[in-house]
Amino acid sequence: MADFSAHRTMEETKERTAQTRENRTVAVLAALFAVLAALATMIAHSRSTTALIEKNEAILAQSRASDAYNYYESKRIKYHLYSALGDAGVGGANTRTKFAGVAKSENAAAQPVLSNARQLEQRAEGYEASSARALSAFETVEIAVTLLEIAIVFVSISALASNQMLLWTAGGLAVAGVVFMVIGVLKHL
């Protein structure tokens, strides 16, 4: 019959309890880091989508501005054409009066078209700037995702290797990941 040692049993129980607490800590940290990584991934995808939408809007507004500038140029060409025809004395007095009226009408109609083209161009620039901010925020949040995923790996390895230094490293990486995530969110508010 084996000798029973109460002292040895107490020590083994303490070791198992400490190991169980450490395993719970590792499991909780891994789950927490996974949730943070999922949240950062969701934010990154949102910023990526926003950047694409804003870029598309910029392209569309720039295209409309280009069309408006072309329309303005056609109005100016008509103005110059009718002014030149009137100045050249083509036709009778009645015809020259018509040319002058059409030239005046084309000149007056050209100004709002030019104003609209400029507004569309400014809108395109605004969309472009917003797209750039969203893309920058996306890139920053992607760094956060990467850091949080690496933190999960370090937490897992620390459980296998029973190494507290890896656990602290994982914690530091997670904190850095959260900081990058907050910076990324603030970049595009």
N, C-alpha and C. Protein backbone atom coordinates (compact mmCIF):
# COMPACT_ATOMS: atom_id res chain seq x y z
N MET A 1 0.83 -1.16 0.00
CA MET A 1 0.00 0.00 0.00
C MET A 1 0.88 1.23 0.00
N ALA A 2 0.49 2.20 -0.85
CA ALA A 2 1.30 3.41 -0.99
C ALA A 2 1.05 4.33 0.19
N ASP A 3 2.09 5.07 0.48
CA ASP A 3 1.97 6.02 1.58
C ASP A 3 1.21 7.26 1.11
N PHE A 4 0.28 7.68 1.91
CA PHE A 4 -0.49 8.88 1.62
C PHE A 4 0.20 10.06 2.27
N SER A 5 0.43 11.13 1.46
CA SER A 5 1.07 12.32 2.00
C SER A 5 0.12 13.50 1.79
N ALA A 6 -0.37 14.03 2.87
CA ALA A 6 -1.30 15.15 2.79
C ALA A 6 -0.60 16.38 2.23
N HIS A 7 0.66 16.56 2.58
CA HIS A 7 1.41 17.73 2.12
C HIS A 7 1.58 17.68 0.59
N ARG A 8 1.95 16.51 0.07
CA ARG A 8 2.14 16.36 -1.36
C ARG A 8 0.81 16.54 -2.10
N THR A 9 -0.27 16.04 -1.56
CA THR A 9 -1.59 16.18 -2.17
C THR A 9 -2.01 17.65 -2.22
N MET A 10 -1.73 18.39 -1.14
CA MET A 10 -2.04 19.81 -1.10
C MET A 10 -1.24 20.58 -2.16
N GLU A 11 0.03 20.25 -2.30
CA GLU A 11 0.87 20.90 -3.30
C GLU A 11 0.37 20.62 -4.72
N GLU A 12 0.01 19.38 -5.00
CA GLU A 12 -0.51 19.02 -6.32
C GLU A 12 -1.82 19.75 -6.61
N THR A 13 -2.66 19.87 -5.60
CA THR A 13 -3.93 20.58 -5.75
C THR A 13 -3.69 22.06 -6.04
N LYS A 14 -2.74 22.66 -5.34
CA LYS A 14 -2.41 24.06 -5.59
C LYS A 14 -1.89 24.26 -7.01
N GLU A 15 -1.05 23.34 -7.48
CA GLU A 15 -0.51 23.44 -8.84
C GLU A 15 -1.63 23.33 -9.88
N ARG A 16 -2.55 22.37 -9.67
CA ARG A 16 -3.65 22.20 -10.60
C ARG A 16 -4.57 23.42 -10.60
N THR A 17 -4.79 23.98 -9.43
CA THR A 17 -5.64 25.17 -9.32
C THR A 17 -4.98 26.35 -10.03
N ALA A 18 -3.68 26.52 -9.84
CA ALA A 18 -2.96 27.61 -10.51
C ALA A 18 -3.00 27.42 -12.02
N GLN A 19 -2.82 26.17 -12.47
CA GLN A 19 -2.84 25.87 -13.90
C GLN A 19 -4.24 26.13 -14.47
N THR A 20 -5.28 25.77 -13.72
CA THR A 20 -6.65 26.00 -14.18
C THR A 20 -6.93 27.49 -14.30
N ARG A 21 -6.48 28.29 -13.33
CA ARG A 21 -6.67 29.75 -13.39
C ARG A 21 -5.93 30.33 -14.59
N GLU A 22 -4.71 29.85 -14.80
CA GLU A 22 -3.93 30.34 -15.94
C GLU A 22 -4.61 29.98 -17.25
N ASN A 23 -5.14 28.77 -17.35
CA ASN A 23 -5.84 28.35 -18.57
C ASN A 23 -7.09 29.19 -18.78
N ARG A 24 -7.82 29.51 -17.70
CA ARG A 24 -9.00 30.36 -17.83
C ARG A 24 -8.60 31.75 -18.31
N THR A 25 -7.52 32.28 -17.75
CA THR A 25 -7.04 33.60 -18.15
C THR A 25 -6.69 33.61 -19.63
N VAL A 26 -5.98 32.58 -20.06
CA VAL A 26 -5.59 32.48 -21.47
C VAL A 26 -6.84 32.38 -22.35
N ALA A 27 -7.79 31.58 -21.94
CA ALA A 27 -9.01 31.42 -22.73
C ALA A 27 -9.80 32.73 -22.81
N VAL A 28 -9.91 33.42 -21.70
CA VAL A 28 -10.64 34.69 -21.68
C VAL A 28 -9.92 35.72 -22.54
N LEU A 29 -8.60 35.80 -22.42
CA LEU A 29 -7.84 36.75 -23.23
C LEU A 29 -7.94 36.43 -24.71
N ALA A 30 -7.85 35.16 -25.06
CA ALA A 30 -7.97 34.78 -26.47
C ALA A 30 -9.34 35.16 -27.01
N ALA A 31 -10.38 34.92 -26.22
CA ALA A 31 -11.73 35.28 -26.66
C ALA A 31 -11.88 36.79 -26.78
N LEU A 32 -11.36 37.52 -25.82
CA LEU A 32 -11.43 38.99 -25.85
C LEU A 32 -10.71 39.54 -27.08
N PHE A 33 -9.50 39.02 -27.32
CA PHE A 33 -8.72 39.49 -28.48
C PHE A 33 -9.42 39.12 -29.78
N ALA A 34 -10.08 37.96 -29.81
CA ALA A 34 -10.80 37.54 -31.01
C ALA A 34 -11.99 38.47 -31.28
N VAL A 35 -12.69 38.86 -30.22
CA VAL A 35 -13.82 39.78 -30.38
C VAL A 35 -13.31 41.14 -30.87
N LEU A 36 -12.21 41.62 -30.30
CA LEU A 36 -11.64 42.89 -30.74
C LEU A 36 -11.19 42.81 -32.20
N ALA A 37 -10.59 41.69 -32.58
CA ALA A 37 -10.15 41.51 -33.97
C ALA A 37 -11.36 41.49 -34.91
N ALA A 38 -12.44 40.85 -34.49
CA ALA A 38 -13.65 40.81 -35.32
C ALA A 38 -14.24 42.22 -35.46
N LEU A 39 -14.27 42.96 -34.38
CA LEU A 39 -14.77 44.33 -34.43
C LEU A 39 -13.90 45.20 -35.34
N ALA A 40 -12.59 45.07 -35.21
CA ALA A 40 -11.68 45.84 -36.07
C ALA A 40 -11.85 45.43 -37.54
N THR A 41 -12.07 44.16 -37.80
CA THR A 41 -12.29 43.70 -39.17
C THR A 41 -13.57 44.31 -39.74
N MET A 42 -14.61 44.35 -38.93
CA MET A 42 -15.87 44.95 -39.38
C MET A 42 -15.68 46.44 -39.70
N ILE A 43 -14.95 47.15 -38.85
CA ILE A 43 -14.68 48.57 -39.08
C ILE A 43 -13.85 48.75 -40.34
N ALA A 44 -12.84 47.89 -40.52
CA ALA A 44 -11.99 47.99 -41.70
C ALA A 44 -12.79 47.77 -42.98
N HIS A 45 -13.68 46.80 -42.97
CA HIS A 45 -14.50 46.55 -44.15
C HIS A 45 -15.43 47.73 -44.43
N SER A 46 -15.95 48.31 -43.37
CA SER A 46 -16.81 49.48 -43.54
C SER A 46 -16.04 50.64 -44.17
N ARG A 47 -14.83 50.87 -43.69
CA ARG A 47 -14.01 51.96 -44.24
C ARG A 47 -13.62 51.67 -45.68
N SER A 48 -13.34 50.43 -45.99
CA SER A 48 -13.00 50.04 -47.36
C SER A 48 -14.18 50.30 -48.30
N THR A 49 -15.35 49.90 -47.88
CA THR A 49 -16.55 50.12 -48.69
C THR A 49 -16.82 51.61 -48.86
N THR A 50 -16.67 52.36 -47.79
CA THR A 50 -16.87 53.81 -47.86
C THR A 50 -15.89 54.44 -48.84
N ALA A 51 -14.64 54.02 -48.79
CA ALA A 51 -13.62 54.56 -49.70
C ALA A 51 -14.00 54.29 -51.15
N LEU A 52 -14.48 53.09 -51.43
CA LEU A 52 -14.88 52.75 -52.81
C LEU A 52 -16.10 53.57 -53.26
N ILE A 53 -17.07 53.70 -52.38
CA ILE A 53 -18.27 54.46 -52.74
C ILE A 53 -17.91 55.92 -53.00
N GLU A 54 -17.11 56.49 -52.11
CA GLU A 54 -16.72 57.90 -52.27
C GLU A 54 -15.90 58.09 -53.56
N LYS A 55 -15.04 57.14 -53.87
CA LYS A 55 -14.25 57.22 -55.10
C LYS A 55 -15.17 57.16 -56.32
N ASN A 56 -16.15 56.28 -56.29
CA ASN A 56 -17.11 56.20 -57.40
C ASN A 56 -17.88 57.51 -57.55
N GLU A 57 -18.30 58.09 -56.43
CA GLU A 57 -19.02 59.37 -56.48
C GLU A 57 -18.11 60.48 -57.04
N ALA A 58 -16.83 60.44 -56.69
CA ALA A 58 -15.89 61.43 -57.22
C ALA A 58 -15.76 61.30 -58.73
N ILE A 59 -15.66 60.09 -59.20
CA ILE A 59 -15.54 59.86 -60.64
C ILE A 59 -16.81 60.32 -61.36
N LEU A 60 -17.96 60.00 -60.78
CA LEU A 60 -19.23 60.40 -61.38
C LEU A 60 -19.37 61.92 -61.42
N ALA A 61 -19.04 62.58 -60.31
CA ALA A 61 -19.13 64.05 -60.26
C ALA A 61 -18.15 64.69 -61.24
N GLN A 62 -16.95 64.11 -61.35
CA GLN A 62 -15.97 64.65 -62.29
C GLN A 62 -16.43 64.49 -63.72
N SER A 63 -17.07 63.37 -64.01
CA SER A 63 -17.62 63.14 -65.35
C SER A 63 -18.73 64.15 -65.66
N ARG A 64 -19.58 64.39 -64.67
CA ARG A 64 -20.64 65.39 -64.87
C ARG A 64 -20.06 66.79 -65.04
N ALA A 65 -19.02 67.08 -64.29
CA ALA A 65 -18.36 68.39 -64.43
C ALA A 65 -17.76 68.53 -65.82
N SER A 66 -17.15 67.48 -66.31
CA SER A 66 -16.58 67.49 -67.65
C SER A 66 -17.66 67.73 -68.71
N ASP A 67 -18.79 67.04 -68.53
CA ASP A 67 -19.92 67.25 -69.45
C ASP A 67 -20.39 68.71 -69.39
N ALA A 68 -20.48 69.25 -68.19
CA ALA A 68 -20.94 70.64 -68.03
C ALA A 68 -19.95 71.61 -68.66
N TYR A 69 -18.65 71.35 -68.48
CA TYR A 69 -17.65 72.22 -69.12
C TYR A 69 -17.76 72.14 -70.65
N ASN A 70 -17.99 70.95 -71.16
CA ASN A 70 -18.17 70.79 -72.60
C ASN A 70 -19.41 71.56 -73.09
N TYR A 71 -20.47 71.50 -72.33
CA TYR A 71 -21.69 72.22 -72.68
C TYR A 71 -21.44 73.73 -72.64
N TYR A 72 -20.70 74.17 -71.63
CA TYR A 72 -20.33 75.58 -71.54
C TYR A 72 -19.53 76.01 -72.76
N GLU A 73 -18.57 75.18 -73.14
CA GLU A 73 -17.75 75.50 -74.32
C GLU A 73 -18.61 75.58 -75.57
N SER A 74 -19.60 74.69 -75.69
CA SER A 74 -20.47 74.76 -76.88
C SER A 74 -21.27 76.05 -76.89
N LYS A 75 -21.71 76.48 -75.70
CA LYS A 75 -22.43 77.77 -75.62
C LYS A 75 -21.51 78.93 -76.01
N ARG A 76 -20.27 78.89 -75.57
CA ARG A 76 -19.31 79.95 -75.91
C ARG A 76 -18.98 79.94 -77.40
N ILE A 77 -18.87 78.77 -77.99
CA ILE A 77 -18.61 78.69 -79.44
C ILE A 77 -19.78 79.29 -80.21
N LYS A 78 -21.00 78.95 -79.80
CA LYS A 78 -22.18 79.52 -80.46
C LYS A 78 -22.19 81.04 -80.31
N TYR A 79 -21.86 81.52 -79.12
CA TYR A 79 -21.82 82.96 -78.89
C TYR A 79 -20.84 83.62 -79.86
N HIS A 80 -19.61 83.06 -79.92
CA HIS A 80 -18.60 83.64 -80.80
C HIS A 80 -18.99 83.52 -82.28
N LEU A 81 -19.59 82.41 -82.64
CA LEU A 81 -20.01 82.21 -84.03
C LEU A 81 -21.07 83.25 -84.43
N TYR A 82 -22.10 83.39 -83.61
CA TYR A 82 -23.16 84.35 -83.94
C TYR A 82 -22.66 85.80 -83.85
N SER A 83 -21.77 86.07 -82.91
CA SER A 83 -21.17 87.42 -82.82
C SER A 83 -20.36 87.71 -84.07
N ALA A 84 -19.57 86.73 -84.52
CA ALA A 84 -18.74 86.91 -85.72
C ALA A 84 -19.60 87.09 -86.96
N LEU A 85 -20.68 86.31 -87.07
CA LEU A 85 -21.57 86.44 -88.22
C LEU A 85 -22.23 87.83 -88.24
N GLY A 86 -22.65 88.30 -87.08
CA GLY A 86 -23.25 89.63 -87.01
C GLY A 86 -22.24 90.72 -87.31
N ASP A 87 -21.01 90.58 -86.77
CA ASP A 87 -19.96 91.58 -87.01
C ASP A 87 -19.50 91.56 -88.47
N ALA A 88 -19.57 90.41 -89.11
CA ALA A 88 -19.13 90.31 -90.50
C ALA A 88 -20.18 90.87 -91.46
N GLY A 89 -21.36 91.17 -90.93
CA GLY A 89 -22.39 91.76 -91.78
C GLY A 89 -23.09 90.76 -92.66
N VAL A 90 -23.13 89.50 -92.26
CA VAL A 90 -23.81 88.47 -93.05
C VAL A 90 -25.32 88.71 -92.96
N GLY A 91 -25.97 88.71 -94.12
CA GLY A 91 -27.43 88.90 -94.17
C GLY A 91 -27.81 90.36 -94.02
N GLY A 92 -29.09 90.57 -93.95
CA GLY A 92 -29.61 91.93 -93.83
C GLY A 92 -29.61 92.38 -92.37
N ALA A 93 -30.16 93.56 -92.15
CA ALA A 93 -30.21 94.14 -90.81
C ALA A 93 -31.02 93.27 -89.86
N ASN A 94 -32.09 92.71 -90.36
CA ASN A 94 -32.95 91.85 -89.56
C ASN A 94 -32.19 90.59 -89.12
N THR A 95 -31.42 90.02 -90.03
CA THR A 95 -30.63 88.82 -89.74
C THR A 95 -29.54 89.13 -88.73
N ARG A 96 -28.88 90.27 -88.90
CA ARG A 96 -27.81 90.66 -87.96
C ARG A 96 -28.41 90.88 -86.56
N THR A 97 -29.60 91.40 -86.47
CA THR A 97 -30.26 91.58 -85.17
C THR A 97 -30.55 90.23 -84.53
N LYS A 98 -31.00 89.28 -85.37
CA LYS A 98 -31.23 87.92 -84.86
C LYS A 98 -29.92 87.32 -84.35
N PHE A 99 -28.83 87.48 -85.13
CA PHE A 99 -27.51 86.96 -84.72
C PHE A 99 -27.10 87.57 -83.37
N ALA A 100 -27.30 88.86 -83.24
CA ALA A 100 -26.92 89.54 -81.99
C ALA A 100 -27.77 89.03 -80.83
N GLY A 101 -29.07 88.79 -81.08
CA GLY A 101 -29.95 88.27 -80.02
C GLY A 101 -29.56 86.86 -79.60
N VAL A 102 -29.26 86.01 -80.59
CA VAL A 102 -28.85 84.64 -80.27
C VAL A 102 -27.51 84.64 -79.53
N ALA A 103 -26.58 85.50 -79.97
CA ALA A 103 -25.27 85.59 -79.31
C ALA A 103 -25.46 86.01 -77.86
N LYS A 104 -26.30 87.00 -77.64
CA LYS A 104 -26.55 87.48 -76.27
C LYS A 104 -27.18 86.38 -75.43
N SER A 105 -28.15 85.67 -76.02
CA SER A 105 -28.82 84.57 -75.33
C SER A 105 -27.83 83.45 -74.97
N GLU A 106 -26.97 83.08 -75.90
CA GLU A 106 -25.97 82.02 -75.66
C GLU A 106 -24.98 82.45 -74.57
N ASN A 107 -24.59 83.72 -74.60
CA ASN A 107 -23.65 84.23 -73.61
C ASN A 107 -24.29 84.19 -72.21
N ALA A 108 -25.56 84.59 -72.11
CA ALA A 108 -26.26 84.59 -70.82
C ALA A 108 -26.47 83.16 -70.32
N ALA A 109 -26.77 82.24 -71.22
CA ALA A 109 -27.02 80.84 -70.83
C ALA A 109 -25.72 80.14 -70.42
N ALA A 110 -24.59 80.62 -70.87
CA ALA A 110 -23.31 79.96 -70.59
C ALA A 110 -22.88 80.13 -69.13
N GLN A 111 -23.19 81.26 -68.52
CA GLN A 111 -22.71 81.54 -67.16
C GLN A 111 -23.23 80.55 -66.11
N PRO A 112 -24.54 80.24 -66.08
CA PRO A 112 -25.01 79.24 -65.10
C PRO A 112 -24.41 77.86 -65.36
N VAL A 113 -24.18 77.53 -66.62
CA VAL A 113 -23.58 76.24 -66.96
C VAL A 113 -22.16 76.17 -66.40
N LEU A 114 -21.42 77.27 -66.53
CA LEU A 114 -20.06 77.32 -65.99
C LEU A 114 -20.09 77.21 -64.46
N SER A 115 -21.01 77.89 -63.84
CA SER A 115 -21.15 77.84 -62.38
C SER A 115 -21.46 76.40 -61.93
N ASN A 116 -22.35 75.73 -62.63
CA ASN A 116 -22.70 74.34 -62.31
C ASN A 116 -21.48 73.42 -62.48
N ALA A 117 -20.72 73.64 -63.54
CA ALA A 117 -19.52 72.82 -63.77
C ALA A 117 -18.53 72.98 -62.63
N ARG A 118 -18.34 74.20 -62.17
CA ARG A 118 -17.42 74.45 -61.06
C ARG A 118 -17.91 73.79 -59.77
N GLN A 119 -19.21 73.85 -59.53
CA GLN A 119 -19.77 73.20 -58.34
C GLN A 119 -19.58 71.69 -58.40
N LEU A 120 -19.80 71.12 -59.56
CA LEU A 120 -19.61 69.67 -59.72
C LEU A 120 -18.14 69.29 -59.51
N GLU A 121 -17.25 70.14 -59.99
CA GLU A 121 -15.83 69.86 -59.81
C GLU A 121 -15.45 69.93 -58.33
N GLN A 122 -16.00 70.89 -57.60
CA GLN A 122 -15.73 70.99 -56.17
C GLN A 122 -16.31 69.78 -55.43
N ARG A 123 -17.49 69.35 -55.85
CA ARG A 123 -18.09 68.16 -55.24
C ARG A 123 -17.21 66.94 -55.48
N ALA A 124 -16.67 66.83 -56.68
CA ALA A 124 -15.77 65.71 -57.00
C ALA A 124 -14.53 65.75 -56.11
N GLU A 125 -13.99 66.93 -55.90
CA GLU A 125 -12.81 67.07 -55.03
C GLU A 125 -13.15 66.68 -53.59
N GLY A 126 -14.34 67.04 -53.13
CA GLY A 126 -14.78 66.66 -51.78
C GLY A 126 -14.91 65.16 -51.64
N TYR A 127 -15.51 64.51 -52.63
CA TYR A 127 -15.62 63.05 -52.61
C TYR A 127 -14.24 62.40 -52.64
N GLU A 128 -13.35 62.96 -53.43
CA GLU A 128 -11.99 62.42 -53.53
C GLU A 128 -11.28 62.50 -52.18
N ALA A 129 -11.41 63.63 -51.50
CA ALA A 129 -10.78 63.81 -50.19
C ALA A 129 -11.39 62.85 -49.17
N SER A 130 -12.70 62.69 -49.21
CA SER A 130 -13.36 61.77 -48.29
C SER A 130 -12.93 60.33 -48.55
N SER A 131 -12.78 59.98 -49.80
CA SER A 131 -12.31 58.64 -50.16
C SER A 131 -10.90 58.40 -49.63
N ALA A 132 -10.04 59.41 -49.76
CA ALA A 132 -8.66 59.27 -49.27
C ALA A 132 -8.64 59.09 -47.75
N ARG A 133 -9.49 59.84 -47.03
CA ARG A 133 -9.55 59.69 -45.57
C ARG A 133 -10.05 58.30 -45.19
N ALA A 134 -11.07 57.81 -45.89
CA ALA A 134 -11.61 56.48 -45.60
C ALA A 134 -10.57 55.40 -45.89
N LEU A 135 -9.81 55.57 -46.96
CA LEU A 135 -8.78 54.59 -47.29
C LEU A 135 -7.67 54.60 -46.25
N SER A 136 -7.29 55.79 -45.80
CA SER A 136 -6.27 55.89 -44.76
C SER A 136 -6.76 55.24 -43.47
N ALA A 137 -8.04 55.46 -43.13
CA ALA A 137 -8.62 54.84 -41.93
C ALA A 137 -8.64 53.32 -42.09
N PHE A 138 -8.99 52.85 -43.27
CA PHE A 138 -9.00 51.41 -43.54
C PHE A 138 -7.62 50.81 -43.30
N GLU A 139 -6.59 51.45 -43.84
CA GLU A 139 -5.23 50.93 -43.69
C GLU A 139 -4.81 50.90 -42.22
N THR A 140 -5.18 51.92 -41.46
CA THR A 140 -4.84 51.97 -40.05
C THR A 140 -5.56 50.87 -39.27
N VAL A 141 -6.83 50.66 -39.56
CA VAL A 141 -7.59 49.62 -38.86
C VAL A 141 -7.09 48.23 -39.28
N GLU A 142 -6.62 48.09 -40.49
CA GLU A 142 -6.04 46.80 -40.92
C GLU A 142 -4.79 46.46 -40.09
N ILE A 143 -4.02 47.47 -39.74
CA ILE A 143 -2.87 47.25 -38.85
C ILE A 143 -3.37 46.75 -37.50
N ALA A 144 -4.45 47.33 -37.01
CA ALA A 144 -5.04 46.90 -35.74
C ALA A 144 -5.47 45.43 -35.81
N VAL A 145 -6.12 45.07 -36.91
CA VAL A 145 -6.56 43.68 -37.09
C VAL A 145 -5.36 42.73 -37.03
N THR A 146 -4.31 43.10 -37.74
CA THR A 146 -3.11 42.26 -37.77
C THR A 146 -2.51 42.10 -36.38
N LEU A 147 -2.39 43.20 -35.65
CA LEU A 147 -1.82 43.15 -34.30
C LEU A 147 -2.68 42.29 -33.37
N LEU A 148 -3.99 42.42 -33.48
CA LEU A 148 -4.88 41.62 -32.63
C LEU A 148 -4.81 40.13 -32.99
N GLU A 149 -4.69 39.83 -34.26
CA GLU A 149 -4.55 38.42 -34.66
C GLU A 149 -3.24 37.84 -34.17
N ILE A 150 -2.17 38.62 -34.23
CA ILE A 150 -0.88 38.15 -33.70
C ILE A 150 -0.98 37.96 -32.19
N ALA A 151 -1.72 38.85 -31.51
CA ALA A 151 -1.91 38.71 -30.06
C ALA A 151 -2.61 37.40 -29.73
N ILE A 152 -3.59 37.02 -30.53
CA ILE A 152 -4.29 35.75 -30.31
C ILE A 152 -3.31 34.58 -30.43
N VAL A 153 -2.45 34.65 -31.42
CA VAL A 153 -1.46 33.58 -31.60
C VAL A 153 -0.52 33.51 -30.40
N PHE A 154 -0.05 34.66 -29.93
CA PHE A 154 0.84 34.67 -28.78
C PHE A 154 0.15 34.15 -27.52
N VAL A 155 -1.11 34.47 -27.33
CA VAL A 155 -1.86 33.95 -26.17
C VAL A 155 -1.93 32.44 -26.26
N SER A 156 -2.22 31.93 -27.45
CA SER A 156 -2.32 30.48 -27.63
C SER A 156 -0.99 29.80 -27.36
N ILE A 157 0.08 30.37 -27.88
CA ILE A 157 1.40 29.78 -27.65
C ILE A 157 1.78 29.85 -26.18
N SER A 158 1.41 30.94 -25.51
CA SER A 158 1.74 31.06 -24.08
C SER A 158 1.07 29.96 -23.27
N ALA A 159 -0.12 29.53 -23.68
CA ALA A 159 -0.80 28.44 -22.97
C ALA A 159 -0.06 27.13 -23.18
N LEU A 160 0.41 26.91 -24.40
CA LEU A 160 1.12 25.67 -24.68
C LEU A 160 2.50 25.63 -24.02
N ALA A 161 3.16 26.79 -24.03
CA ALA A 161 4.53 26.84 -23.50
C ALA A 161 4.59 27.23 -22.03
N SER A 162 3.45 27.58 -21.46
CA SER A 162 3.39 28.06 -20.07
C SER A 162 4.40 29.17 -19.85
N ASN A 163 4.37 30.14 -20.74
CA ASN A 163 5.34 31.23 -20.71
C ASN A 163 4.60 32.55 -20.49
N GLN A 164 4.85 33.17 -19.34
CA GLN A 164 4.18 34.43 -19.00
C GLN A 164 4.64 35.57 -19.90
N MET A 165 5.87 35.51 -20.37
CA MET A 165 6.39 36.59 -21.23
C MET A 165 5.59 36.67 -22.53
N LEU A 166 5.22 35.54 -23.08
CA LEU A 166 4.40 35.53 -24.29
C LEU A 166 3.02 36.11 -24.01
N LEU A 167 2.50 35.85 -22.81
CA LEU A 167 1.20 36.40 -22.43
C LEU A 167 1.26 37.93 -22.34
N TRP A 168 2.33 38.44 -21.76
CA TRP A 168 2.52 39.89 -21.67
C TRP A 168 2.75 40.51 -23.05
N THR A 169 3.47 39.80 -23.89
CA THR A 169 3.67 40.28 -25.26
C THR A 169 2.33 40.36 -26.00
N ALA A 170 1.51 39.34 -25.82
CA ALA A 170 0.18 39.33 -26.43
C ALA A 170 -0.65 40.51 -25.93
N GLY A 171 -0.57 40.77 -24.65
CA GLY A 171 -1.29 41.91 -24.09
C GLY A 171 -0.83 43.23 -24.68
N GLY A 172 0.49 43.38 -24.83
CA GLY A 172 1.03 44.60 -25.44
C GLY A 172 0.59 44.76 -26.88
N LEU A 173 0.60 43.67 -27.62
CA LEU A 173 0.15 43.71 -29.02
C LEU A 173 -1.33 44.06 -29.10
N ALA A 174 -2.11 43.51 -28.18
CA ALA A 174 -3.55 43.81 -28.17
C ALA A 174 -3.80 45.28 -27.85
N VAL A 175 -3.06 45.82 -26.90
CA VAL A 175 -3.22 47.25 -26.57
C VAL A 175 -2.85 48.10 -27.79
N ALA A 176 -1.75 47.77 -28.45
CA ALA A 176 -1.35 48.50 -29.65
C ALA A 176 -2.43 48.37 -30.73
N GLY A 177 -3.01 47.19 -30.86
CA GLY A 177 -4.08 46.98 -31.84
C GLY A 177 -5.29 47.84 -31.54
N VAL A 178 -5.66 47.94 -30.28
CA VAL A 178 -6.81 48.77 -29.91
C VAL A 178 -6.51 50.24 -30.19
N VAL A 179 -5.27 50.66 -29.91
CA VAL A 179 -4.89 52.05 -30.19
C VAL A 179 -5.01 52.34 -31.69
N PHE A 180 -4.50 51.45 -32.52
CA PHE A 180 -4.61 51.63 -33.98
C PHE A 180 -6.07 51.62 -34.42
N MET A 181 -6.88 50.79 -33.78
CA MET A 181 -8.29 50.74 -34.16
C MET A 181 -8.98 52.07 -33.84
N VAL A 182 -8.70 52.62 -32.67
CA VAL A 182 -9.30 53.91 -32.29
C VAL A 182 -8.80 55.02 -33.23
N ILE A 183 -7.51 55.02 -33.55
CA ILE A 183 -6.98 56.03 -34.48
C ILE A 183 -7.67 55.91 -35.84
N GLY A 184 -7.84 54.67 -36.31
CA GLY A 184 -8.50 54.45 -37.59
C GLY A 184 -9.93 54.94 -37.61
N VAL A 185 -10.64 54.72 -36.49
CA VAL A 185 -12.03 55.18 -36.41
C VAL A 185 -12.07 56.71 -36.41
N LEU A 186 -11.16 57.32 -35.68
CA LEU A 186 -11.15 58.79 -35.59
C LEU A 186 -10.71 59.46 -36.89
N LYS A 187 -9.98 58.75 -37.73
CA LYS A 187 -9.52 59.33 -39.00
C LYS A 187 -10.66 59.65 -39.95
N HIS A 188 -11.76 58.93 -39.83
CA HIS A 188 -12.86 59.13 -40.79
C HIS A 188 -14.18 59.32 -40.06
N LEU A 189 -14.25 60.33 -39.25
CA LEU A 189 -15.51 60.65 -38.57
C LEU A 189 -16.24 61.75 -39.28
